[in-house]
Structures are given as structure tokens and as C-alpha cells.
Amino acid sequence: MRNVWREPYIICNLIFAVVLTAVLAYFGIFSSDGDYPVHALAPGTFTSTGLQRALSELMRGNLDAALQFNRYSVGIFAFFVVQLVVRLAFSAIYIFCADKRRPLILADAIISTLLFLCAFAPMAMGQMIEGLNN
């Protein structure tokens, strides 16, 4: 029997889970009242303006404050949280259901792509619309 912890799918999922946990921890540790370097590097108004602050507020459960900072933040925050759960759940399924691995990987790719599009497409479309209006 192969060591499942050396499977590329499991390694990638664990790396993604660690990165997602680090991202969520970053927003949980740093408060929304500090200056963020992104604004200094790219002054102006973008659809992503206030996103870091909004995600920090969401980690603290402050939905109203988050929406004031960035209206797209809830979808993006949900993407990070759901992806963390999906990484862990699909890894467990992969380990315990050896006969279902190929369809699982396909389902994972489709679900993750759709989640990404649902989370980030509204912000991208908003930026394109703002660009056309200016």
C-alpha cells in the first residue's frame, strides 16, 4: 500500500490548507485601523480598496463594518473559509475512498473553479465597469 501522505493531491491540499489558514490568521491578527501598504503602492480607488480592512473586520464578526470597507468582502471571505473546509474534507475523502479518487479530483477542480468565479468575478466586473465609466 502506498503512503497516502506522499500523494501529490494530498500534498497540494495540505499546502493550500496551510496557506488559507495563514491568510485567515493574518486577517484575524491585524486590525482594520492600521495603514496597509497596498494603498501606498497603488493610490486611487479600485474595487479592491478596503478589502484587507474588510476581511479583518469579518474575522472579528463585524459584518456592517466590513461592508462599509468593501462590498465584495463577504464573498471573498466565504471563498477562503469554504476552500479551507473543502481542502480538508476532500483530503479525508481521498484518503478513505481509494476507488473514487479520479472523480473526486475532477469534482474538486470544478467546485473550486466555480467558487473562485463566484467570489472574485463580481469584483472584477465592478472594476471593468468603473474603468468604462472613467
Protein backbone atom coordinates (compact mmCIF):
# COMPACT_ATOMS: atom_id res chain seq x y z
CA MET A 1 0.00 0.00 0.00
CA ARG A 2 1.32 3.43 -0.96
CA ASN A 3 1.92 6.09 1.63
CA VAL A 4 -1.07 8.39 1.06
CA TRP A 5 0.77 11.37 2.61
CA ARG A 6 3.13 11.35 -0.39
CA GLU A 7 0.31 11.60 -2.91
CA PRO A 8 0.57 14.89 -4.88
CA TYR A 9 -3.13 15.64 -4.31
CA ILE A 10 -2.75 15.35 -0.53
CA ILE A 11 0.47 17.39 -0.51
CA CYS A 12 -1.16 20.18 -2.57
CA ASN A 13 -4.27 20.18 -0.38
CA LEU A 14 -2.20 20.39 2.79
CA ILE A 15 -0.12 23.25 1.36
CA PHE A 16 -3.30 25.10 0.35
CA ALA A 17 -4.83 24.45 3.78
CA VAL A 18 -1.76 25.90 5.50
CA VAL A 19 -1.77 28.95 3.19
CA LEU A 20 -5.50 29.52 3.72
CA THR A 21 -5.07 29.19 7.48
CA ALA A 22 -2.21 31.69 7.35
CA VAL A 23 -4.32 34.14 5.31
CA LEU A 24 -7.21 33.89 7.75
CA ALA A 25 -4.82 34.22 10.70
CA TYR A 26 -3.30 37.33 9.12
CA PHE A 27 -6.71 38.97 8.91
CA GLY A 28 -7.51 37.83 12.43
CA ILE A 29 -4.28 39.15 13.93
CA PHE A 30 -4.02 42.53 12.20
CA SER A 31 -6.69 45.07 12.88
CA SER A 32 -8.53 47.16 10.34
CA ASP A 33 -7.40 50.51 11.74
CA GLY A 34 -3.77 50.38 10.58
CA ASP A 35 -2.31 51.65 7.32
CA TYR A 36 -1.94 48.95 4.73
CA PRO A 37 0.96 49.16 2.26
CA VAL A 38 -1.18 48.33 -0.80
CA HIS A 39 -2.84 51.76 -0.77
CA ALA A 40 0.56 53.49 -0.74
CA LEU A 41 1.72 51.41 -3.71
CA ALA A 42 -1.43 51.94 -5.78
CA PRO A 43 -3.17 55.15 -4.77
CA GLY A 44 -6.62 55.60 -6.15
CA THR A 45 -9.93 53.87 -5.90
CA PHE A 46 -10.29 50.30 -7.01
CA THR A 47 -12.94 47.68 -6.36
CA SER A 48 -10.42 46.03 -4.03
CA THR A 49 -9.94 49.21 -1.97
CA GLY A 50 -10.57 48.43 1.69
CA LEU A 51 -10.55 44.67 1.16
CA GLN A 52 -7.85 43.94 3.74
CA ARG A 53 -9.66 46.04 6.32
CA ALA A 54 -12.97 44.41 5.46
CA LEU A 55 -11.53 40.91 5.79
CA SER A 56 -10.03 41.86 9.16
CA GLU A 57 -13.47 43.05 10.28
CA LEU A 58 -15.10 39.84 9.06
CA MET A 59 -12.62 37.79 11.12
CA ARG A 60 -13.94 39.72 14.13
CA GLY A 61 -17.57 39.17 13.13
CA ASN A 62 -18.21 42.82 12.18
CA LEU A 63 -20.29 42.41 9.04
CA ASP A 64 -21.52 46.02 8.86
CA ALA A 65 -18.03 47.48 9.18
CA ALA A 66 -16.70 45.02 6.60
CA LEU A 67 -19.34 46.01 4.07
CA GLN A 68 -18.51 49.67 4.61
CA PHE A 69 -14.87 48.99 3.76
CA ASN A 70 -15.60 46.79 0.73
CA ARG A 71 -18.90 45.48 -0.61
CA TYR A 72 -17.25 42.41 -2.19
CA SER A 73 -15.56 41.25 1.01
CA VAL A 74 -18.19 38.77 2.19
CA GLY A 75 -17.97 36.66 -0.96
CA ILE A 76 -14.18 36.67 -0.90
CA PHE A 77 -14.09 35.83 2.81
CA ALA A 78 -16.56 32.99 2.21
CA PHE A 79 -14.31 31.70 -0.58
CA PHE A 80 -11.32 31.44 1.78
CA VAL A 81 -13.31 29.73 4.52
CA VAL A 82 -15.11 27.32 2.18
CA GLN A 83 -11.86 26.46 0.40
CA LEU A 84 -10.23 25.59 3.71
CA VAL A 85 -13.13 23.26 4.55
CA VAL A 86 -13.09 21.77 1.03
CA ARG A 87 -9.32 21.12 1.21
CA LEU A 88 -9.70 19.24 4.49
CA ALA A 89 -12.88 17.37 3.54
CA PHE A 90 -11.69 16.32 0.09
CA SER A 91 -8.35 15.19 1.54
CA ALA A 92 -10.19 12.95 4.01
CA ILE A 93 -12.40 11.54 1.25
CA TYR A 94 -9.32 10.96 -0.94
CA ILE A 95 -7.59 9.05 1.84
CA PHE A 96 -10.55 6.82 2.75
CA CYS A 97 -12.12 6.26 -0.68
CA ALA A 98 -9.31 4.97 -2.88
CA ASP A 99 -11.73 3.80 -5.59
CA LYS A 100 -13.24 7.29 -6.03
CA ARG A 101 -10.06 9.37 -6.38
CA ARG A 102 -10.27 10.31 -10.06
CA PRO A 103 -13.88 11.62 -9.89
CA LEU A 104 -13.06 13.35 -6.60
CA ILE A 105 -10.18 15.29 -8.16
CA LEU A 106 -12.39 16.30 -11.09
CA ALA A 107 -15.19 17.40 -8.73
CA ASP A 108 -12.65 19.33 -6.65
CA ALA A 109 -11.35 21.18 -9.71
CA ILE A 110 -14.86 22.08 -10.89
CA ILE A 111 -16.11 23.13 -7.45
CA SER A 112 -13.00 25.20 -6.71
CA THR A 113 -13.17 26.95 -10.08
CA LEU A 114 -16.84 27.79 -9.62
CA LEU A 115 -16.25 29.03 -6.07
CA PHE A 116 -13.39 31.22 -7.28
CA LEU A 117 -15.51 32.71 -10.08
CA CYS A 118 -18.45 33.34 -7.75
CA ALA A 119 -16.19 35.06 -5.21
CA PHE A 120 -13.97 37.18 -7.45
CA ALA A 121 -15.96 37.78 -10.65
CA PRO A 122 -18.26 40.43 -9.10
CA MET A 123 -15.24 42.47 -8.01
CA ALA A 124 -13.53 42.06 -11.40
CA MET A 125 -16.70 43.04 -13.24
CA GLY A 126 -17.12 46.05 -10.95
CA GLN A 127 -13.58 47.17 -11.79
CA MET A 128 -14.25 46.81 -15.53
CA ILE A 129 -17.46 48.81 -15.24
CA GLU A 130 -15.68 51.54 -13.26
CA GLY A 131 -12.95 51.58 -15.90
CA LEU A 132 -15.51 52.09 -18.66
CA ASN A 133 -17.18 54.91 -16.74
CA ASN A 134 -13.89 56.82 -16.29
